[in-house]
Amino acid sequence: MYPPKLTPEQRKAGLEKALKLRRERAELKKNLKRGKISLKEVLETSGQTVERIKAKDILTSLPGVGKITAKKIMNEVKIAASRRVKGLGARQKKEILSRFS
């Protein structure tokens, strides 16, 4: 099955929307790294900006947490490497928050 044919205007609008969301996600991760927002605030936020970020990217955005630590935490909490924030269960969110509070 082929994707639908888009007009140049539709394609441009889609590209602009994707660029806006990427910038918002980058800003969110930067604010998390700097401590301007908390992990709890991020996990309780809804919307495309947060929901589409991978859980490991959120963890590695925390101060003092690198790829190895994030992978270790995700394995302990039983979160798949490809899991996005939207797909985290209540128990998983609770366990992640308990490790950083």
PDB file of N, CA and C in Angstrom:
ATOM      1  N   MET A   1       0.843  -1.179   0.000  1.00  0.00           N
ATOM      2  CA  MET A   1       0.000   0.000   0.000  1.00  0.00           C
ATOM      3  C   MET A   1       0.885   1.239   0.000  1.00  0.00           C
ATOM      4  N   TYR A   2       0.533   2.168  -0.809  1.00  0.00           N
ATOM      5  CA  TYR A   2       1.308   3.392  -0.955  1.00  0.00           C
ATOM      6  C   TYR A   2       0.744   4.509  -0.087  1.00  0.00           C
ATOM      7  N   PRO A   3       1.610   5.409   0.381  1.00  0.00           N
ATOM      8  CA  PRO A   3       1.096   6.562   1.142  1.00  0.00           C
ATOM      9  C   PRO A   3       0.281   7.462   0.222  1.00  0.00           C
ATOM     10  N   PRO A   4      -0.627   8.231   0.806  1.00  0.00           N
ATOM     11  CA  PRO A   4      -1.462   9.103  -0.036  1.00  0.00           C
ATOM     12  C   PRO A   4      -0.616  10.179  -0.718  1.00  0.00           C
ATOM     13  N   LYS A   5      -1.068  10.582  -1.880  1.00  0.00           N
ATOM     14  CA  LYS A   5      -0.407  11.669  -2.601  1.00  0.00           C
ATOM     15  C   LYS A   5      -0.758  12.980  -1.925  1.00  0.00           C
ATOM     16  N   LEU A   6       0.258  13.762  -1.594  1.00  0.00           N
ATOM     17  CA  LEU A   6       0.037  15.041  -0.927  1.00  0.00           C
ATOM     18  C   LEU A   6       0.343  16.178  -1.878  1.00  0.00           C
ATOM     19  N   THR A   7      -0.419  17.239  -1.702  1.00  0.00           N
ATOM     20  CA  THR A   7      -0.113  18.441  -2.474  1.00  0.00           C
ATOM     21  C   THR A   7       1.127  19.079  -1.860  1.00  0.00           C
ATOM     22  N   PRO A   8       1.812  19.923  -2.583  1.00  0.00           N
ATOM     23  CA  PRO A   8       2.988  20.587  -2.009  1.00  0.00           C
ATOM     24  C   PRO A   8       2.664  21.357  -0.726  1.00  0.00           C
ATOM     25  N   GLU A   9       1.474  21.939  -0.644  1.00  0.00           N
ATOM     26  CA  GLU A   9       1.085  22.677   0.560  1.00  0.00           C
ATOM     27  C   GLU A   9       0.901  21.735   1.747  1.00  0.00           C
ATOM     28  N   GLN A  10       0.280  20.583   1.504  1.00  0.00           N
ATOM     29  CA  GLN A  10       0.077  19.607   2.569  1.00  0.00           C
ATOM     30  C   GLN A  10       1.421  19.057   3.056  1.00  0.00           C
ATOM     31  N   ARG A  11       2.302  18.792   2.128  1.00  0.00           N
ATOM     32  CA  ARG A  11       3.632  18.287   2.477  1.00  0.00           C
ATOM     33  C   ARG A  11       4.396  19.314   3.314  1.00  0.00           C
ATOM     34  N   LYS A  12       4.340  20.578   2.899  1.00  0.00           N
ATOM     35  CA  LYS A  12       5.024  21.645   3.622  1.00  0.00           C
ATOM     36  C   LYS A  12       4.448  21.796   5.030  1.00  0.00           C
ATOM     37  N   ALA A  13       3.127  21.738   5.146  1.00  0.00           N
ATOM     38  CA  ALA A  13       2.483  21.852   6.455  1.00  0.00           C
ATOM     39  C   ALA A  13       2.899  20.697   7.361  1.00  0.00           C
ATOM     40  N   GLY A  14       2.963  19.496   6.810  1.00  0.00           N
ATOM     41  CA  GLY A  14       3.384  18.333   7.593  1.00  0.00           C
ATOM     42  C   GLY A  14       4.826  18.452   8.064  1.00  0.00           C
ATOM     43  N   LEU A  15       5.697  18.934   7.184  1.00  0.00           N
ATOM     44  CA  LEU A  15       7.099  19.113   7.549  1.00  0.00           C
ATOM     45  C   LEU A  15       7.259  20.169   8.636  1.00  0.00           C
ATOM     46  N   GLU A  16       6.499  21.246   8.534  1.00  0.00           N
ATOM     47  CA  GLU A  16       6.559  22.305   9.550  1.00  0.00           C
ATOM     48  C   GLU A  16       6.057  21.812  10.903  1.00  0.00           C
ATOM     49  N   LYS A  17       4.994  21.011  10.883  1.00  0.00           N
ATOM     50  CA  LYS A  17       4.457  20.455  12.126  1.00  0.00           C
ATOM     51  C   LYS A  17       5.480  19.522  12.781  1.00  0.00           C
ATOM     52  N   ALA A  18       6.114  18.676  11.961  1.00  0.00           N
ATOM     53  CA  ALA A  18       7.119  17.748  12.496  1.00  0.00           C
ATOM     54  C   ALA A  18       8.310  18.506  13.072  1.00  0.00           C
ATOM     55  N   LEU A  19       8.738  19.554  12.407  1.00  0.00           N
ATOM     56  CA  LEU A  19       9.861  20.357  12.886  1.00  0.00           C
ATOM     57  C   LEU A  19       9.507  21.025  14.217  1.00  0.00           C
ATOM     58  N   LYS A  20       8.291  21.539  14.318  1.00  0.00           N
ATOM     59  CA  LYS A  20       7.838  22.187  15.557  1.00  0.00           C
ATOM     60  C   LYS A  20       7.850  21.197  16.716  1.00  0.00           C
ATOM     61  N   LEU A  21       7.352  19.977  16.486  1.00  0.00           N
ATOM     62  CA  LEU A  21       7.321  18.964  17.549  1.00  0.00           C
ATOM     63  C   LEU A  21       8.727  18.536  17.950  1.00  0.00           C
ATOM     64  N   ARG A  22       9.646  18.398  16.983  1.00  0.00           N
ATOM     65  CA  ARG A  22      11.023  18.030  17.311  1.00  0.00           C
ATOM     66  C   ARG A  22      11.675  19.100  18.172  1.00  0.00           C
ATOM     67  N   ARG A  23      11.416  20.356  17.842  1.00  0.00           N
ATOM     68  CA  ARG A  23      11.986  21.453  18.639  1.00  0.00           C
ATOM     69  C   ARG A  23      11.411  21.467  20.051  1.00  0.00           C
ATOM     70  N   GLU A  24      10.104  21.228  20.177  1.00  0.00           N
ATOM     71  CA  GLU A  24       9.467  21.196  21.496  1.00  0.00           C
ATOM     72  C   GLU A  24      10.032  20.063  22.339  1.00  0.00           C
ATOM     73  N   ARG A  25      10.251  18.892  21.728  1.00  0.00           N
ATOM     74  CA  ARG A  25      10.825  17.763  22.466  1.00  0.00           C
ATOM     75  C   ARG A  25      12.253  18.064  22.902  1.00  0.00           C
ATOM     76  N   ALA A  26      13.030  18.688  22.036  1.00  0.00           N
ATOM     77  CA  ALA A  26      14.413  19.047  22.382  1.00  0.00           C
ATOM     78  C   ALA A  26      14.422  20.050  23.534  1.00  0.00           C
ATOM     79  N   GLU A  27      13.521  21.005  23.510  1.00  0.00           N
ATOM     80  CA  GLU A  27      13.418  22.008  24.579  1.00  0.00           C
ATOM     81  C   GLU A  27      13.019  21.340  25.900  1.00  0.00           C
ATOM     82  N   LEU A  28      12.082  20.408  25.830  1.00  0.00           N
ATOM     83  CA  LEU A  28      11.641  19.689  27.024  1.00  0.00           C
ATOM     84  C   LEU A  28      12.810  18.928  27.643  1.00  0.00           C
ATOM     85  N   LYS A  29      13.568  18.210  26.822  1.00  0.00           N
ATOM     86  CA  LYS A  29      14.713  17.440  27.339  1.00  0.00           C
ATOM     87  C   LYS A  29      15.783  18.368  27.907  1.00  0.00           C
ATOM     88  N   LYS A  30      15.989  19.507  27.270  1.00  0.00           N
ATOM     89  CA  LYS A  30      16.970  20.470  27.767  1.00  0.00           C
ATOM     90  C   LYS A  30      16.542  21.024  29.123  1.00  0.00           C
ATOM     91  N   ASN A  31      15.254  21.347  29.274  1.00  0.00           N
ATOM     92  CA  ASN A  31      14.739  21.852  30.550  1.00  0.00           C
ATOM     93  C   ASN A  31      14.820  20.792  31.643  1.00  0.00           C
ATOM     94  N   LEU A  32      14.595  19.539  31.279  1.00  0.00           N
ATOM     95  CA  LEU A  32      14.716  18.448  32.243  1.00  0.00           C
ATOM     96  C   LEU A  32      16.174  18.307  32.692  1.00  0.00           C
ATOM     97  N   LYS A  33      17.095  18.396  31.774  1.00  0.00           N
ATOM     98  CA  LYS A  33      18.527  18.283  32.084  1.00  0.00           C
ATOM     99  C   LYS A  33      18.969  19.418  33.009  1.00  0.00           C
ATOM    100  N   ARG A  34      18.436  20.613  32.787  1.00  0.00           N
ATOM    101  CA  ARG A  34      18.813  21.783  33.585  1.00  0.00           C
ATOM    102  C   ARG A  34      18.060  21.876  34.909  1.00  0.00           C
ATOM    103  N   GLY A  35      17.064  21.020  35.094  1.00  0.00           N
ATOM    104  CA  GLY A  35      16.314  21.031  36.344  1.00  0.00           C
ATOM    105  C   GLY A  35      15.190  22.055  36.383  1.00  0.00           C
ATOM    106  N   LYS A  36      14.844  22.621  35.251  1.00  0.00           N
ATOM    107  CA  LYS A  36      13.755  23.594  35.215  1.00  0.00           C
ATOM    108  C   LYS A  36      12.393  22.933  35.375  1.00  0.00           C
ATOM    109  N   ILE A  37      12.294  21.669  34.981  1.00  0.00           N
ATOM    110  CA  ILE A  37      11.077  20.894  35.197  1.00  0.00           C
ATOM    111  C   ILE A  37      11.487  19.555  35.810  1.00  0.00           C
ATOM    112  N   SER A  38      10.564  18.937  36.507  1.00  0.00           N
ATOM    113  CA  SER A  38      10.872  17.670  37.184  1.00  0.00           C
ATOM    114  C   SER A  38      10.418  16.492  36.327  1.00  0.00           C
ATOM    115  N   LEU A  39      10.957  15.334  36.654  1.00  0.00           N
ATOM    116  CA  LEU A  39      10.566  14.100  35.968  1.00  0.00           C
ATOM    117  C   LEU A  39       9.082  13.836  36.181  1.00  0.00           C
ATOM    118  N   LYS A  40       8.592  14.121  37.384  1.00  0.00           N
ATOM    119  CA  LYS A  40       7.176  13.915  37.684  1.00  0.00           C
ATOM    120  C   LYS A  40       6.300  14.764  36.770  1.00  0.00           C
ATOM    121  N   GLU A  41       6.692  16.014  36.574  1.00  0.00           N
ATOM    122  CA  GLU A  41       5.925  16.895  35.680  1.00  0.00           C
ATOM    123  C   GLU A  41       5.900  16.347  34.262  1.00  0.00           C
ATOM    124  N   VAL A  42       7.028  15.838  33.805  1.00  0.00           N
ATOM    125  CA  VAL A  42       7.109  15.296  32.449  1.00  0.00           C
ATOM    126  C   VAL A  42       6.203  14.078  32.311  1.00  0.00           C
ATOM    127  N   LEU A  43       6.271  13.161  33.271  1.00  0.00           N
ATOM    128  CA  LEU A  43       5.472  11.937  33.179  1.00  0.00           C
ATOM    129  C   LEU A  43       3.980  12.193  33.329  1.00  0.00           C
ATOM    130  N   GLU A  44       3.601  13.281  33.998  1.00  0.00           N
ATOM    131  CA  GLU A  44       2.180  13.599  34.175  1.00  0.00           C
ATOM    132  C   GLU A  44       1.628  14.464  33.048  1.00  0.00           C
ATOM    133  N   THR A  45       2.503  14.967  32.195  1.00  0.00           N
ATOM    134  CA  THR A  45       2.081  15.819  31.087  1.00  0.00           C
ATOM    135  C   THR A  45       1.555  14.962  29.945  1.00  0.00           C
ATOM    136  N   SER A  46       0.514  15.441  29.300  1.00  0.00           N
ATOM    137  CA  SER A  46       0.006  14.738  28.121  1.00  0.00           C
ATOM    138  C   SER A  46       0.189  15.640  26.904  1.00  0.00           C
ATOM    139  N   GLY A  47       0.049  15.068  25.758  1.00  0.00           N
ATOM    140  CA  GLY A  47       0.218  15.812  24.516  1.00  0.00           C
ATOM    141  C   GLY A  47       1.307  15.176  23.668  1.00  0.00           C
ATOM    142  N   GLN A  48       1.291  15.486  22.397  1.00  0.00           N
ATOM    143  CA  GLN A  48       2.225  14.874  21.460  1.00  0.00           C
ATOM    144  C   GLN A  48       3.671  15.128  21.814  1.00  0.00           C
ATOM    145  N   THR A  49       3.954  16.271  22.360  1.00  0.00           N
ATOM    146  CA  THR A  49       5.341  16.613  22.668  1.00  0.00           C
ATOM    147  C   THR A  49       5.962  15.591  23.611  1.00  0.00           C
ATOM    148  N   VAL A  50       5.262  15.233  24.663  1.00  0.00           N
ATOM    149  CA  VAL A  50       5.801  14.308  25.664  1.00  0.00           C
ATOM    150  C   VAL A  50       5.541  12.858  25.287  1.00  0.00           C
ATOM    151  N   GLU A  51       4.349  12.563  24.850  1.00  0.00           N
ATOM    152  CA  GLU A  51       3.952  11.175  24.628  1.00  0.00           C
ATOM    153  C   GLU A  51       4.802  10.454  23.592  1.00  0.00           C
ATOM    154  N   ARG A  52       5.353  11.164  22.642  1.00  0.00           N
ATOM    155  CA  ARG A  52       6.113  10.524  21.568  1.00  0.00           C
ATOM    156  C   ARG A  52       7.608  10.384  21.866  1.00  0.00           C
ATOM    157  N   ILE A  53       8.063  10.877  23.014  1.00  0.00           N
ATOM    158  CA  ILE A  53       9.474  10.737  23.374  1.00  0.00           C
ATOM    159  C   ILE A  53       9.695   9.333  23.927  1.00  0.00           C
ATOM    160  N   LYS A  54      10.791   8.717  23.555  1.00  0.00           N
ATOM    161  CA  LYS A  54      11.103   7.397  24.098  1.00  0.00           C
ATOM    162  C   LYS A  54      11.484   7.540  25.572  1.00  0.00           C
ATOM    163  N   ALA A  55      11.099   6.541  26.343  1.00  0.00           N
ATOM    164  CA  ALA A  55      11.355   6.563  27.789  1.00  0.00           C
ATOM    165  C   ALA A  55      12.850   6.668  28.077  1.00  0.00           C
ATOM    166  N   LYS A  56      13.676   5.982  27.299  1.00  0.00           N
ATOM    167  CA  LYS A  56      15.124   6.040  27.541  1.00  0.00           C
ATOM    168  C   LYS A  56      15.670   7.442  27.292  1.00  0.00           C
ATOM    169  N   ASP A  57      15.085   8.180  26.345  1.00  0.00           N
ATOM    170  CA  ASP A  57      15.535   9.552  26.094  1.00  0.00           C
ATOM    171  C   ASP A  57      15.205  10.467  27.268  1.00  0.00           C
ATOM    172  N   ILE A  58      14.054  10.238  27.896  1.00  0.00           N
ATOM    173  CA  ILE A  58      13.688  11.020  29.081  1.00  0.00           C
ATOM    174  C   ILE A  58      14.675  10.724  30.209  1.00  0.00           C
ATOM    175  N   LEU A  59      14.973   9.445  30.411  1.00  0.00           N
ATOM    176  CA  LEU A  59      15.890   9.077  31.491  1.00  0.00           C
ATOM    177  C   LEU A  59      17.294   9.629  31.249  1.00  0.00           C
ATOM    178  N   THR A  60      17.780   9.555  30.021  1.00  0.00           N
ATOM    179  CA  THR A  60      19.130  10.069  29.744  1.00  0.00           C
ATOM    180  C   THR A  60      19.175  11.593  29.791  1.00  0.00           C
ATOM    181  N   SER A  61      18.023  12.225  29.757  1.00  0.00           N
ATOM    182  CA  SER A  61      17.979  13.687  29.872  1.00  0.00           C
ATOM    183  C   SER A  61      18.091  14.143  31.319  1.00  0.00           C
ATOM    184  N   LEU A  62      17.955  13.221  32.255  1.00  0.00           N
ATOM    185  CA  LEU A  62      18.081  13.578  33.664  1.00  0.00           C
ATOM    186  C   LEU A  62      19.544  13.815  34.014  1.00  0.00           C
ATOM    187  N   PRO A  63      19.814  14.785  34.886  1.00  0.00           N
ATOM    188  CA  PRO A  63      21.199  15.036  35.296  1.00  0.00           C
ATOM    189  C   PRO A  63      21.803  13.803  35.971  1.00  0.00           C
ATOM    190  N   GLY A  64      22.985  13.419  35.540  1.00  0.00           N
ATOM    191  CA  GLY A  64      23.689  12.299  36.152  1.00  0.00           C
ATOM    192  C   GLY A  64      23.273  10.929  35.665  1.00  0.00           C
ATOM    193  N   VAL A  65      22.391  10.866  34.679  1.00  0.00           N
ATOM    194  CA  VAL A  65      21.951   9.579  34.135  1.00  0.00           C
ATOM    195  C   VAL A  65      22.416   9.489  32.691  1.00  0.00           C
ATOM    196  N   GLY A  66      23.223   8.475  32.428  1.00  0.00           N
ATOM    197  CA  GLY A  66      23.710   8.246  31.075  1.00  0.00           C
ATOM    198  C   GLY A  66      23.000   7.067  30.433  1.00  0.00           C
ATOM    199  N   LYS A  67      23.510   6.638  29.297  1.00  0.00           N
ATOM    200  CA  LYS A  67      22.889   5.539  28.567  1.00  0.00           C
ATOM    201  C   LYS A  67      22.899   4.233  29.362  1.00  0.00           C
ATOM    202  N   ILE A  68      24.020   3.949  30.019  1.00  0.00           N
ATOM    203  CA  ILE A  68      24.147   2.699  30.767  1.00  0.00           C
ATOM    204  C   ILE A  68      23.183   2.672  31.955  1.00  0.00           C
ATOM    205  N   THR A  69      23.136   3.756  32.714  1.00  0.00           N
ATOM    206  CA  THR A  69      22.238   3.825  33.872  1.00  0.00           C
ATOM    207  C   THR A  69      20.782   3.747  33.427  1.00  0.00           C
ATOM    208  N   ALA A  70      20.452   4.454  32.346  1.00  0.00           N
ATOM    209  CA  ALA A  70      19.079   4.433  31.833  1.00  0.00           C
ATOM    210  C   ALA A  70      18.693   3.016  31.413  1.00  0.00           C
ATOM    211  N   LYS A  71      19.597   2.325  30.734  1.00  0.00           N
ATOM    212  CA  LYS A  71      19.322   0.951  30.301  1.00  0.00           C
ATOM    213  C   LYS A  71      19.135   0.035  31.504  1.00  0.00           C
ATOM    214  N   LYS A  72      19.951   0.203  32.531  1.00  0.00           N
ATOM    215  CA  LYS A  72      19.850  -0.598  33.744  1.00  0.00           C
ATOM    216  C   LYS A  72      18.494  -0.384  34.425  1.00  0.00           C
ATOM    217  N   ILE A  73      18.098   0.872  34.555  1.00  0.00           N
ATOM    218  CA  ILE A  73      16.805   1.191  35.182  1.00  0.00           C
ATOM    219  C   ILE A  73      15.654   0.607  34.370  1.00  0.00           C
ATOM    220  N   MET A  74      15.730   0.760  33.060  1.00  0.00           N
ATOM    221  CA  MET A  74      14.657   0.243  32.207  1.00  0.00           C
ATOM    222  C   MET A  74      14.549  -1.281  32.309  1.00  0.00           C
ATOM    223  N   ASN A  75      15.681  -1.963  32.408  1.00  0.00           N
ATOM    224  CA  ASN A  75      15.652  -3.421  32.572  1.00  0.00           C
ATOM    225  C   ASN A  75      15.046  -3.815  33.923  1.00  0.00           C
ATOM    226  N   GLU A  76      15.410  -3.090  34.970  1.00  0.00           N
ATOM    227  CA  GLU A  76      14.892  -3.395  36.306  1.00  0.00           C
ATOM    228  C   GLU A  76      13.391  -3.149  36.413  1.00  0.00           C
ATOM    229  N   VAL A  77      12.917  -2.107  35.722  1.00  0.00           N
ATOM    230  CA  VAL A  77      11.492  -1.758  35.779  1.00  0.00           C
ATOM    231  C   VAL A  77      10.694  -2.505  34.698  1.00  0.00           C
ATOM    232  N   LYS A  78      11.421  -3.252  33.851  1.00  0.00           N
ATOM    233  CA  LYS A  78      10.823  -4.026  32.761  1.00  0.00           C
ATOM    234  C   LYS A  78      10.140  -3.133  31.727  1.00  0.00           C
ATOM    235  N   ILE A  79      10.932  -2.186  31.200  1.00  0.00           N
ATOM    236  CA  ILE A  79      10.458  -1.302  30.145  1.00  0.00           C
ATOM    237  C   ILE A  79      11.261  -1.636  28.893  1.00  0.00           C
ATOM    238  N   ALA A  80      10.578  -1.894  27.799  1.00  0.00           N
ATOM    239  CA  ALA A  80      11.243  -2.196  26.539  1.00  0.00           C
ATOM    240  C   ALA A  80      12.010  -0.968  26.047  1.00  0.00           C
ATOM    241  N   ALA A  81      13.110  -1.198  25.353  1.00  0.00           N
ATOM    242  CA  ALA A  81      13.944  -0.099  24.864  1.00  0.00           C
ATOM    243  C   ALA A  81      13.196   0.812  23.895  1.00  0.00           C
ATOM    244  N   SER A  82      12.228   0.265  23.192  1.00  0.00           N
ATOM    245  CA  SER A  82      11.482   1.054  22.210  1.00  0.00           C
ATOM    246  C   SER A  82      10.245   1.738  22.789  1.00  0.00           C
ATOM    247  N   ARG A  83       9.975   1.546  24.075  1.00  0.00           N
ATOM    248  CA  ARG A  83       8.761   2.093  24.705  1.00  0.00           C
ATOM    249  C   ARG A  83       8.796   3.611  24.756  1.00  0.00           C
ATOM    250  N   ARG A  84       7.691   4.210  24.419  1.00  0.00           N
ATOM    251  CA  ARG A  84       7.550   5.661  24.505  1.00  0.00           C
ATOM    252  C   ARG A  84       6.829   6.015  25.802  1.00  0.00           C
ATOM    253  N   VAL A  85       6.904   7.279  26.199  1.00  0.00           N
ATOM    254  CA  VAL A  85       6.305   7.717  27.463  1.00  0.00           C
ATOM    255  C   VAL A  85       4.812   7.404  27.496  1.00  0.00           C
ATOM    256  N   LYS A  86       4.143   7.561  26.364  1.00  0.00           N
ATOM    257  CA  LYS A  86       2.699   7.289  26.304  1.00  0.00           C
ATOM    258  C   LYS A  86       2.384   5.843  26.680  1.00  0.00           C
ATOM    259  N   GLY A  87       3.287   4.917  26.379  1.00  0.00           N
ATOM    260  CA  GLY A  87       3.049   3.510  26.617  1.00  0.00           C
ATOM    261  C   GLY A  87       3.448   3.009  27.993  1.00  0.00           C
ATOM    262  N   LEU A  88       3.958   3.887  28.843  1.00  0.00           N
ATOM    263  CA  LEU A  88       4.344   3.465  30.190  1.00  0.00           C
ATOM    264  C   LEU A  88       3.110   3.254  31.056  1.00  0.00           C
ATOM    265  N   GLY A  89       3.126   2.182  31.829  1.00  0.00           N
ATOM    266  CA  GLY A  89       2.019   1.906  32.739  1.00  0.00           C
ATOM    267  C   GLY A  89       2.165   2.692  34.033  1.00  0.00           C
ATOM    268  N   ALA A  90       1.130   2.702  34.825  1.00  0.00           N
ATOM    269  CA  ALA A  90       1.143   3.432  36.097  1.00  0.00           C
ATOM    270  C   ALA A  90       2.222   2.883  37.029  1.00  0.00           C
ATOM    271  N   ARG A  91       2.361   1.554  37.070  1.00  0.00           N
ATOM    272  CA  ARG A  91       3.383   0.936  37.922  1.00  0.00           C
ATOM    273  C   ARG A  91       4.784   1.333  37.460  1.00  0.00           C
ATOM    274  N   GLN A  92       5.013   1.342  36.157  1.00  0.00           N
ATOM    275  CA  GLN A  92       6.327   1.707  35.636  1.00  0.00           C
ATOM    276  C   GLN A  92       6.671   3.161  35.955  1.00  0.00           C
ATOM    277  N   LYS A  93       5.711   4.039  35.788  1.00  0.00           N
ATOM    278  CA  LYS A  93       5.940   5.448  36.117  1.00  0.00           C
ATOM    279  C   LYS A  93       6.247   5.614  37.596  1.00  0.00           C
ATOM    280  N   LYS A  94       5.492   4.899  38.427  1.00  0.00           N
ATOM    281  CA  LYS A  94       5.684   4.989  39.869  1.00  0.00           C
ATOM    282  C   LYS A  94       7.085   4.506  40.256  1.00  0.00           C
ATOM    283  N   GLU A  95       7.527   3.402  39.673  1.00  0.00           N
ATOM    284  CA  GLU A  95       8.854   2.868  39.989  1.00  0.00           C
ATOM    285  C   GLU A  95       9.969   3.802  39.521  1.00  0.00           C
ATOM    286  N   ILE A  96       9.813   4.394  38.361  1.00  0.00           N
ATOM    287  CA  ILE A  96      10.815   5.347  37.862  1.00  0.00           C
ATOM    288  C   ILE A  96      10.882   6.549  38.796  1.00  0.00           C
ATOM    289  N   LEU A  97       9.726   7.092  39.164  1.00  0.00           N
ATOM    290  CA  LEU A  97       9.705   8.251  40.056  1.00  0.00           C
ATOM    291  C   LEU A  97      10.307   7.938  41.411  1.00  0.00           C
ATOM    292  N   SER A  98      10.077   6.717  41.909  1.00  0.00           N
ATOM    293  CA  SER A  98      10.624   6.362  43.217  1.00  0.00           C
ATOM    294  C   SER A  98      12.147   6.310  43.194  1.00  0.00           C
ATOM    295  N   ARG A  99      12.739   6.031  42.066  1.00  0.00           N
ATOM    296  CA  ARG A  99      14.203   5.975  41.951  1.00  0.00           C
ATOM    297  C   ARG A  99      14.842   7.362  41.910  1.00  0.00           C
ATOM    298  N   PHE A 100      14.062   8.373  41.566  1.00  0.00           N
ATOM    299  CA  PHE A 100      14.626   9.722  41.427  1.00  0.00           C
ATOM    300  C   PHE A 100      14.061  10.723  42.417  1.00  0.00           C
ATOM    301  N   SER A 101      13.394  10.241  43.469  1.00  0.00           N
ATOM    302  CA  SER A 101      12.867  11.196  44.455  1.00  0.00           C
ATOM    303  C   SER A 101      13.556  11.063  45.782  1.00  0.00           C
TER     304      SER A 101
END
